[in-house]
Amino acid sequence: MDLWILVFLLVVVQPIFGWWRFRRFIARGEMPTTNRKLRLYFVVLLTQWTLTAFCAWVMARRHLNIADLGLLRPGPAWAWILVAVLGLVLFGATLMAVRAIRAGQSEIPSHLRHIARILPQNPMERLGFTPVALTAGICEETLYRGFLVFAFYQASHNVWLALGLSTVAFGFGHLYQGPRGIFSTMVLGMVLATLYSATKSLWPGIALHAFIDLANGNALGTLAKPRPAPPLSLTPPTDHTHVEAGEIPSPERTTGT
């Protein structure tokens, strides 16, 4: 019973709570202060680690260690090479898109317009966001790739179905990002699930997940910064211009001197 309580928390409660928390955060309309962002980051950390601790307790009741979900082996070398390549490619694509948006060459996607407001913009916020990104890598991979695959496999005895259901749950877990965010997260979840299935280790996926969140979060956070105002254009005074053009008679002509 405790196993399915945790499944319910991950699949239903956590997405709805995350959506409500995000909507409440941006409801004020103004640019969030650093203190508000740091408080939000703390809530995310508390939530993620509480769920992971509950997962460890559920596994222990079955005489298993949470590390049995895929934390006992680092994974093969080829997986780490693949993770490095994928991480750099994805980050490069994000960086190019952000630069194009900042230069006015393209519009910011609607699902990122509000999300960028909760991402870090200054050194203090980046410092607070770093443990959030690392926690997302460790906790979400353990919960969604490790635990949910284990739970769904207990019910279906089909590893591919278990991987597919966990991927759908991972996408829905990002409900606050809207339909496009859910879809893009689900695509990433498919990559992470395939990596987990091929390596039987969570560590390559943890590294990729944490790197993407940390690098992209810092890059996308710049989208919420106000753009600098265009420089003022100075024009010569009207009377001088007209005098030079011959439209207004000079003092010498009017006085006869």
C-alpha atoms as a PDB file:
ATOM      1  CA  MET A   1       0.000   0.000   0.000  1.00  0.00           C
ATOM      2  CA  ASP A   2       2.810   2.417   0.879  1.00  0.00           C
ATOM      3  CA  LEU A   3       4.344   1.828  -2.559  1.00  0.00           C
ATOM      4  CA  TRP A   4       1.208   3.009  -4.337  1.00  0.00           C
ATOM      5  CA  ILE A   5       0.830   5.977  -2.007  1.00  0.00           C
ATOM      6  CA  LEU A   6       4.219   7.190  -3.203  1.00  0.00           C
ATOM      7  CA  VAL A   7       3.219   6.485  -6.819  1.00  0.00           C
ATOM      8  CA  PHE A   8       0.070   8.587  -6.289  1.00  0.00           C
ATOM      9  CA  LEU A   9       2.141  11.409  -4.770  1.00  0.00           C
ATOM     10  CA  LEU A  10       4.527  11.426  -7.730  1.00  0.00           C
ATOM     11  CA  VAL A  11       1.979  10.993 -10.519  1.00  0.00           C
ATOM     12  CA  VAL A  12      -0.915  13.125  -9.220  1.00  0.00           C
ATOM     13  CA  VAL A  13      -0.149  15.227  -6.145  1.00  0.00           C
ATOM     14  CA  GLN A  14       3.314  16.529  -7.023  1.00  0.00           C
ATOM     15  CA  PRO A  15       2.370  17.820 -10.531  1.00  0.00           C
ATOM     16  CA  ILE A  16      -0.743  19.601  -9.242  1.00  0.00           C
ATOM     17  CA  PHE A  17       1.110  21.038  -6.243  1.00  0.00           C
ATOM     18  CA  GLY A  18       3.948  22.231  -8.506  1.00  0.00           C
ATOM     19  CA  TRP A  19       1.461  23.865 -10.884  1.00  0.00           C
ATOM     20  CA  TRP A  20      -0.345  25.612  -8.004  1.00  0.00           C
ATOM     21  CA  ARG A  21       2.938  26.741  -6.423  1.00  0.00           C
ATOM     22  CA  PHE A  22       4.183  28.182  -9.722  1.00  0.00           C
ATOM     23  CA  ARG A  23       0.904  29.986 -10.514  1.00  0.00           C
ATOM     24  CA  ARG A  24       0.817  31.453  -7.031  1.00  0.00           C
ATOM     25  CA  PHE A  25       4.408  32.615  -7.400  1.00  0.00           C
ATOM     26  CA  ILE A  26       3.852  34.534 -10.666  1.00  0.00           C
ATOM     27  CA  ALA A  27       0.351  35.789  -9.788  1.00  0.00           C
ATOM     28  CA  ARG A  28       1.704  39.077  -8.411  1.00  0.00           C
ATOM     29  CA  GLY A  29       2.794  40.155 -11.863  1.00  0.00           C
ATOM     30  CA  GLU A  30       5.901  42.104 -10.848  1.00  0.00           C
ATOM     31  CA  MET A  31       9.451  40.855 -11.291  1.00  0.00           C
ATOM     32  CA  PRO A  32      10.164  38.407  -8.430  1.00  0.00           C
ATOM     33  CA  THR A  33      12.750  39.528  -5.908  1.00  0.00           C
ATOM     34  CA  THR A  34      15.810  37.472  -5.044  1.00  0.00           C
ATOM     35  CA  ASN A  35      14.370  36.603  -1.623  1.00  0.00           C
ATOM     36  CA  ARG A  36      11.168  35.244  -3.175  1.00  0.00           C
ATOM     37  CA  LYS A  37      13.140  33.098  -5.602  1.00  0.00           C
ATOM     38  CA  LEU A  38      15.362  31.728  -2.834  1.00  0.00           C
ATOM     39  CA  ARG A  39      12.289  30.817  -0.780  1.00  0.00           C
ATOM     40  CA  LEU A  40      10.849  29.009  -3.794  1.00  0.00           C
ATOM     41  CA  TYR A  41      14.119  27.151  -4.308  1.00  0.00           C
ATOM     42  CA  PHE A  42      14.059  26.056  -0.654  1.00  0.00           C
ATOM     43  CA  VAL A  43      10.524  24.677  -1.011  1.00  0.00           C
ATOM     44  CA  VAL A  44      11.585  22.717  -4.101  1.00  0.00           C
ATOM     45  CA  LEU A  45      14.578  21.267  -2.233  1.00  0.00           C
ATOM     46  CA  LEU A  46      12.439  20.322   0.761  1.00  0.00           C
ATOM     47  CA  THR A  47       9.799  18.667  -1.433  1.00  0.00           C
ATOM     48  CA  GLN A  48      12.260  16.677  -3.536  1.00  0.00           C
ATOM     49  CA  TRP A  49      14.296  15.339  -0.637  1.00  0.00           C
ATOM     50  CA  THR A  50      11.191  14.518   1.412  1.00  0.00           C
ATOM     51  CA  LEU A  51       9.837  12.397  -1.441  1.00  0.00           C
ATOM     52  CA  THR A  52      13.238  10.722  -1.837  1.00  0.00           C
ATOM     53  CA  ALA A  53      13.371   9.950   1.887  1.00  0.00           C
ATOM     54  CA  PHE A  54       9.884   8.456   1.657  1.00  0.00           C
ATOM     55  CA  CYS A  55      11.115   6.367  -1.278  1.00  0.00           C
ATOM     56  CA  ALA A  56      14.020   5.068   0.811  1.00  0.00           C
ATOM     57  CA  TRP A  57      11.554   4.083   3.562  1.00  0.00           C
ATOM     58  CA  VAL A  58       9.251   2.307   1.093  1.00  0.00           C
ATOM     59  CA  MET A  59      12.185   0.344  -0.332  1.00  0.00           C
ATOM     60  CA  ALA A  60      13.461  -0.537   3.143  1.00  0.00           C
ATOM     61  CA  ARG A  61      10.068  -2.029   4.029  1.00  0.00           C
ATOM     62  CA  ARG A  62      10.676  -4.434   1.140  1.00  0.00           C
ATOM     63  CA  HIS A  63      14.149  -5.259   2.462  1.00  0.00           C
ATOM     64  CA  LEU A  64      15.734  -3.309  -0.364  1.00  0.00           C
ATOM     65  CA  ASN A  65      18.064  -0.337  -0.380  1.00  0.00           C
ATOM     66  CA  ILE A  66      17.227   2.771  -2.399  1.00  0.00           C
ATOM     67  CA  ALA A  67      20.644   2.299  -4.032  1.00  0.00           C
ATOM     68  CA  ASP A  68      19.315  -0.942  -5.547  1.00  0.00           C
ATOM     69  CA  LEU A  69      17.283   1.192  -7.956  1.00  0.00           C
ATOM     70  CA  GLY A  70      20.440   1.982  -9.928  1.00  0.00           C
ATOM     71  CA  LEU A  71      22.890   3.794  -7.679  1.00  0.00           C
ATOM     72  CA  LEU A  72      25.313   0.930  -7.103  1.00  0.00           C
ATOM     73  CA  ARG A  73      27.136   1.131 -10.457  1.00  0.00           C
ATOM     74  CA  PRO A  74      28.567   4.190 -12.219  1.00  0.00           C
ATOM     75  CA  GLY A  75      27.661   2.937 -15.682  1.00  0.00           C
ATOM     76  CA  PRO A  76      29.868   2.143 -18.703  1.00  0.00           C
ATOM     77  CA  ALA A  77      32.322   4.615 -20.224  1.00  0.00           C
ATOM     78  CA  TRP A  78      30.358   4.919 -23.470  1.00  0.00           C
ATOM     79  CA  ALA A  79      27.351   6.200 -21.520  1.00  0.00           C
ATOM     80  CA  TRP A  80      29.399   9.011 -19.986  1.00  0.00           C
ATOM     81  CA  ILE A  81      30.792   9.982 -23.386  1.00  0.00           C
ATOM     82  CA  LEU A  82      27.256  10.039 -24.778  1.00  0.00           C
ATOM     83  CA  VAL A  83      26.070  12.133 -21.835  1.00  0.00           C
ATOM     84  CA  ALA A  84      28.859  14.676 -22.407  1.00  0.00           C
ATOM     85  CA  VAL A  85      28.015  14.982 -26.113  1.00  0.00           C
ATOM     86  CA  LEU A  86      24.266  15.263 -25.532  1.00  0.00           C
ATOM     87  CA  GLY A  87      24.715  17.796 -22.763  1.00  0.00           C
ATOM     88  CA  LEU A  88      26.934  20.064 -24.856  1.00  0.00           C
ATOM     89  CA  VAL A  89      24.663  19.807 -27.908  1.00  0.00           C
ATOM     90  CA  LEU A  90      21.508  20.622 -25.943  1.00  0.00           C
ATOM     91  CA  PHE A  91      23.169  23.477 -24.082  1.00  0.00           C
ATOM     92  CA  GLY A  92      24.576  24.886 -27.324  1.00  0.00           C
ATOM     93  CA  ALA A  93      21.135  24.823 -28.928  1.00  0.00           C
ATOM     94  CA  THR A  94      19.631  26.597 -25.914  1.00  0.00           C
ATOM     95  CA  LEU A  95      22.372  29.219 -25.903  1.00  0.00           C
ATOM     96  CA  MET A  96      21.861  29.972 -29.594  1.00  0.00           C
ATOM     97  CA  ALA A  97      18.095  30.273 -29.108  1.00  0.00           C
ATOM     98  CA  VAL A  98      18.532  32.619 -26.143  1.00  0.00           C
ATOM     99  CA  ARG A  99      20.920  34.846 -28.089  1.00  0.00           C
ATOM    100  CA  ALA A 100      18.483  35.018 -31.006  1.00  0.00           C
ATOM    101  CA  ILE A 101      15.663  36.017 -28.653  1.00  0.00           C
ATOM    102  CA  ARG A 102      17.788  38.623 -26.884  1.00  0.00           C
ATOM    103  CA  ALA A 103      18.800  40.074 -30.259  1.00  0.00           C
ATOM    104  CA  GLY A 104      15.155  40.334 -31.314  1.00  0.00           C
ATOM    105  CA  GLN A 105      15.552  37.818 -34.119  1.00  0.00           C
ATOM    106  CA  SER A 106      12.903  35.488 -32.699  1.00  0.00           C
ATOM    107  CA  GLU A 107      10.138  35.516 -30.096  1.00  0.00           C
ATOM    108  CA  ILE A 108      10.391  33.827 -26.723  1.00  0.00           C
ATOM    109  CA  PRO A 109       8.207  30.673 -26.663  1.00  0.00           C
ATOM    110  CA  SER A 110       5.039  31.149 -24.650  1.00  0.00           C
ATOM    111  CA  HIS A 111       5.807  28.272 -22.255  1.00  0.00           C
ATOM    112  CA  LEU A 112       9.141  29.915 -21.340  1.00  0.00           C
ATOM    113  CA  ARG A 113       7.869  33.473 -20.896  1.00  0.00           C
ATOM    114  CA  HIS A 114       6.698  32.931 -17.319  1.00  0.00           C
ATOM    115  CA  ILE A 115       9.134  30.144 -16.437  1.00  0.00           C
ATOM    116  CA  ALA A 116      12.096  32.445 -17.066  1.00  0.00           C
ATOM    117  CA  ARG A 117      10.888  34.623 -14.196  1.00  0.00           C
ATOM    118  CA  ILE A 118      11.688  31.971 -11.588  1.00  0.00           C
ATOM    119  CA  LEU A 119      15.163  31.240 -12.986  1.00  0.00           C
ATOM    120  CA  PRO A 120      18.353  32.883 -11.653  1.00  0.00           C
ATOM    121  CA  GLN A 121      19.537  36.273 -12.908  1.00  0.00           C
ATOM    122  CA  ASN A 122      22.250  37.348 -10.459  1.00  0.00           C
ATOM    123  CA  PRO A 123      25.088  35.629  -8.537  1.00  0.00           C
ATOM    124  CA  MET A 124      23.040  35.130  -5.355  1.00  0.00           C
ATOM    125  CA  GLU A 125      20.176  33.513  -7.267  1.00  0.00           C
ATOM    126  CA  ARG A 126      22.604  31.329  -9.226  1.00  0.00           C
ATOM    127  CA  LEU A 127      24.145  30.185  -5.952  1.00  0.00           C
ATOM    128  CA  GLY A 128      20.702  29.227  -4.638  1.00  0.00           C
ATOM    129  CA  PHE A 129      19.680  27.594  -7.911  1.00  0.00           C
ATOM    130  CA  THR A 130      22.724  25.286  -8.089  1.00  0.00           C
ATOM    131  CA  PRO A 131      21.550  22.857  -5.365  1.00  0.00           C
ATOM    132  CA  VAL A 132      18.086  22.871  -6.987  1.00  0.00           C
ATOM    133  CA  ALA A 133      19.562  21.663 -10.297  1.00  0.00           C
ATOM    134  CA  LEU A 134      21.719  19.037  -8.571  1.00  0.00           C
ATOM    135  CA  THR A 135      18.759  17.894  -6.488  1.00  0.00           C
ATOM    136  CA  ALA A 136      16.591  17.578  -9.595  1.00  0.00           C
ATOM    137  CA  GLY A 137      19.208  15.325 -11.145  1.00  0.00           C
ATOM    138  CA  ILE A 138      19.585  13.082  -8.108  1.00  0.00           C
ATOM    139  CA  CYS A 139      16.038  12.987  -6.752  1.00  0.00           C
ATOM    140  CA  GLU A 140      13.999  13.018  -9.974  1.00  0.00           C
ATOM    141  CA  GLU A 141      16.118  10.335 -11.596  1.00  0.00           C
ATOM    142  CA  THR A 142      15.885   8.183  -8.467  1.00  0.00           C
ATOM    143  CA  LEU A 143      12.127   8.711  -8.176  1.00  0.00           C
ATOM    144  CA  TYR A 144      10.974   8.715 -11.812  1.00  0.00           C
ATOM    145  CA  ARG A 145      13.541   6.513 -13.515  1.00  0.00           C
ATOM    146  CA  GLY A 146      14.343   4.265 -10.567  1.00  0.00           C
ATOM    147  CA  PHE A 147      11.333   3.980  -8.281  1.00  0.00           C
ATOM    148  CA  LEU A 148       8.469   4.418 -10.761  1.00  0.00           C
ATOM    149  CA  VAL A 149       9.982   1.893 -13.170  1.00  0.00           C
ATOM    150  CA  PHE A 150      10.296  -0.506 -10.231  1.00  0.00           C
ATOM    151  CA  ALA A 151       6.694   0.147  -9.117  1.00  0.00           C
ATOM    152  CA  PHE A 152       5.133  -0.120 -12.573  1.00  0.00           C
ATOM    153  CA  TYR A 153       7.123  -3.263 -13.279  1.00  0.00           C
ATOM    154  CA  GLN A 154       5.703  -4.843 -10.110  1.00  0.00           C
ATOM    155  CA  ALA A 155       2.222  -4.303 -11.531  1.00  0.00           C
ATOM    156  CA  SER A 156       2.789  -5.070 -15.223  1.00  0.00           C
ATOM    157  CA  HIS A 157       5.856  -7.354 -15.357  1.00  0.00           C
ATOM    158  CA  ASN A 158       6.720  -5.545 -18.590  1.00  0.00           C
ATOM    159  CA  VAL A 159       9.860  -3.421 -18.436  1.00  0.00           C
ATOM    160  CA  TRP A 160       9.039  -1.416 -21.590  1.00  0.00           C
ATOM    161  CA  LEU A 161       5.589  -0.548 -20.294  1.00  0.00           C
ATOM    162  CA  ALA A 162       7.132   0.444 -16.975  1.00  0.00           C
ATOM    163  CA  LEU A 163       9.659   2.692 -18.726  1.00  0.00           C
ATOM    164  CA  GLY A 164       6.917   4.244 -20.867  1.00  0.00           C
ATOM    165  CA  LEU A 165       4.613   4.959 -17.938  1.00  0.00           C
ATOM    166  CA  SER A 166       7.440   6.477 -15.925  1.00  0.00           C
ATOM    167  CA  THR A 167       8.288   8.729 -18.884  1.00  0.00           C
ATOM    168  CA  VAL A 168       4.682   9.939 -19.132  1.00  0.00           C
ATOM    169  CA  ALA A 169       4.666  10.588 -15.379  1.00  0.00           C
ATOM    170  CA  PHE A 170       7.933  12.528 -15.690  1.00  0.00           C
ATOM    171  CA  GLY A 171       6.439  14.757 -18.375  1.00  0.00           C
ATOM    172  CA  PHE A 172       3.240  15.328 -16.407  1.00  0.00           C
ATOM    173  CA  GLY A 173       5.390  16.137 -13.362  1.00  0.00           C
ATOM    174  CA  HIS A 174       6.275  19.373 -15.177  1.00  0.00           C
ATOM    175  CA  LEU A 175       2.635  20.401 -15.575  1.00  0.00           C
ATOM    176  CA  TYR A 176       3.464  23.972 -14.556  1.00  0.00           C
ATOM    177  CA  GLN A 177       5.375  24.414 -17.846  1.00  0.00           C
ATOM    178  CA  GLY A 178       2.246  23.931 -19.959  1.00  0.00           C
ATOM    179  CA  PRO A 179       1.648  21.529 -22.888  1.00  0.00           C
ATOM    180  CA  ARG A 180       4.872  22.360 -24.746  1.00  0.00           C
ATOM    181  CA  GLY A 181       6.904  22.014 -21.566  1.00  0.00           C
ATOM    182  CA  ILE A 182       5.293  18.654 -20.799  1.00  0.00           C
ATOM    183  CA  PHE A 183       6.062  17.395 -24.307  1.00  0.00           C
ATOM    184  CA  SER A 184       9.690  18.546 -24.314  1.00  0.00           C
ATOM    185  CA  THR A 185      10.231  17.095 -20.838  1.00  0.00           C
ATOM    186  CA  MET A 186       8.698  13.821 -21.975  1.00  0.00           C
ATOM    187  CA  VAL A 187      11.146  13.681 -24.886  1.00  0.00           C
ATOM    188  CA  LEU A 188      14.026  14.196 -22.475  1.00  0.00           C
ATOM    189  CA  GLY A 189      12.474  11.528 -20.241  1.00  0.00           C
ATOM    190  CA  MET A 190      12.535   9.070 -23.139  1.00  0.00           C
ATOM    191  CA  VAL A 191      16.271   9.692 -23.596  1.00  0.00           C
ATOM    192  CA  LEU A 192      16.920   9.264 -19.869  1.00  0.00           C
ATOM    193  CA  ALA A 193      14.758   6.129 -19.685  1.00  0.00           C
ATOM    194  CA  THR A 194      16.607   4.586 -22.635  1.00  0.00           C
ATOM    195  CA  LEU A 195      19.932   5.424 -21.011  1.00  0.00           C
ATOM    196  CA  TYR A 196      18.794   3.848 -17.733  1.00  0.00           C
ATOM    197  CA  SER A 197      17.539   0.720 -19.476  1.00  0.00           C
ATOM    198  CA  ALA A 198      20.794   0.309 -21.428  1.00  0.00           C
ATOM    199  CA  THR A 199      23.183   0.917 -18.520  1.00  0.00           C
ATOM    200  CA  LYS A 200      21.193  -0.303 -15.484  1.00  0.00           C
ATOM    201  CA  SER A 201      22.649   2.739 -13.724  1.00  0.00           C
ATOM    202  CA  LEU A 202      21.085   6.042 -12.708  1.00  0.00           C
ATOM    203  CA  TRP A 203      24.358   7.976 -12.578  1.00  0.00           C
ATOM    204  CA  PRO A 204      24.725   8.913 -16.284  1.00  0.00           C
ATOM    205  CA  GLY A 205      21.119  10.121 -16.306  1.00  0.00           C
ATOM    206  CA  ILE A 206      21.659  12.028 -13.062  1.00  0.00           C
ATOM    207  CA  ALA A 207      24.679  13.803 -14.560  1.00  0.00           C
ATOM    208  CA  LEU A 208      22.848  14.695 -17.788  1.00  0.00           C
ATOM    209  CA  HIS A 209      19.697  15.820 -15.966  1.00  0.00           C
ATOM    210  CA  ALA A 210      21.592  18.003 -13.486  1.00  0.00           C
ATOM    211  CA  PHE A 211      23.781  19.557 -16.188  1.00  0.00           C
ATOM    212  CA  ILE A 212      20.803  20.422 -18.407  1.00  0.00           C
ATOM    213  CA  ASP A 213      18.903  21.994 -15.511  1.00  0.00           C
ATOM    214  CA  LEU A 214      21.923  23.964 -14.303  1.00  0.00           C
ATOM    215  CA  ALA A 215      23.183  25.178 -17.696  1.00  0.00           C
ATOM    216  CA  ASN A 216      19.812  25.837 -19.317  1.00  0.00           C
ATOM    217  CA  GLY A 217      18.343  27.346 -16.170  1.00  0.00           C
ATOM    218  CA  ASN A 218      21.091  29.951 -16.008  1.00  0.00           C
ATOM    219  CA  ALA A 219      20.884  30.636 -19.752  1.00  0.00           C
ATOM    220  CA  LEU A 220      17.079  30.949 -19.847  1.00  0.00           C
ATOM    221  CA  GLY A 221      17.066  33.143 -16.755  1.00  0.00           C
ATOM    222  CA  THR A 222      18.518  35.980 -18.821  1.00  0.00           C
ATOM    223  CA  LEU A 223      15.287  36.112 -20.841  1.00  0.00           C
ATOM    224  CA  ALA A 224      13.485  37.695 -17.896  1.00  0.00           C
ATOM    225  CA  LYS A 225      15.970  40.547 -17.623  1.00  0.00           C
ATOM    226  CA  PRO A 226      14.674  43.883 -18.931  1.00  0.00           C
ATOM    227  CA  ARG A 227      16.291  44.891 -22.181  1.00  0.00           C
ATOM    228  CA  PRO A 228      18.348  48.107 -22.126  1.00  0.00           C
ATOM    229  CA  ALA A 229      16.580  51.205 -23.425  1.00  0.00           C
ATOM    230  CA  PRO A 230      17.691  52.384 -26.876  1.00  0.00           C
ATOM    231  CA  PRO A 231      20.146  55.325 -26.833  1.00  0.00           C
ATOM    232  CA  LEU A 232      18.705  58.807 -27.170  1.00  0.00           C
ATOM    233  CA  SER A 233      19.139  60.432 -30.579  1.00  0.00           C
ATOM    234  CA  LEU A 234      20.241  64.074 -30.326  1.00  0.00           C
ATOM    235  CA  THR A 235      19.194  66.482 -33.091  1.00  0.00           C
ATOM    236  CA  PRO A 236      20.468  70.026 -33.663  1.00  0.00           C
ATOM    237  CA  PRO A 237      18.259  72.860 -32.399  1.00  0.00           C
ATOM    238  CA  THR A 238      15.577  73.908 -34.844  1.00  0.00           C
ATOM    239  CA  ASP A 239      16.680  77.551 -35.214  1.00  0.00           C
ATOM    240  CA  HIS A 240      20.254  76.633 -36.122  1.00  0.00           C
ATOM    241  CA  THR A 241      19.070  74.171 -38.669  1.00  0.00           C
ATOM    242  CA  HIS A 242      16.736  76.636 -40.315  1.00  0.00           C
ATOM    243  CA  VAL A 243      19.354  79.357 -40.340  1.00  0.00           C
ATOM    244  CA  GLU A 244      21.816  77.080 -42.111  1.00  0.00           C
ATOM    245  CA  ALA A 245      19.130  76.072 -44.592  1.00  0.00           C
ATOM    246  CA  GLY A 246      18.265  79.703 -45.362  1.00  0.00           C
ATOM    247  CA  GLU A 247      14.688  79.370 -44.127  1.00  0.00           C
ATOM    248  CA  ILE A 248      15.116  81.890 -41.266  1.00  0.00           C
ATOM    249  CA  PRO A 249      16.970  85.154 -41.998  1.00  0.00           C
ATOM    250  CA  SER A 250      20.152  85.618 -40.021  1.00  0.00           C
ATOM    251  CA  PRO A 251      20.473  88.562 -37.593  1.00  0.00           C
ATOM    252  CA  GLU A 252      22.764  90.345 -40.026  1.00  0.00           C
ATOM    253  CA  ARG A 253      20.032  90.367 -42.699  1.00  0.00           C
ATOM    254  CA  THR A 254      17.299  91.610 -40.403  1.00  0.00           C
ATOM    255  CA  THR A 255      19.324  94.403 -38.843  1.00  0.00           C
ATOM    256  CA  GLY A 256      21.144  95.483 -41.930  1.00  0.00           C
ATOM    257  CA  THR A 257      24.581  95.130 -40.277  1.00  0.00           C
END
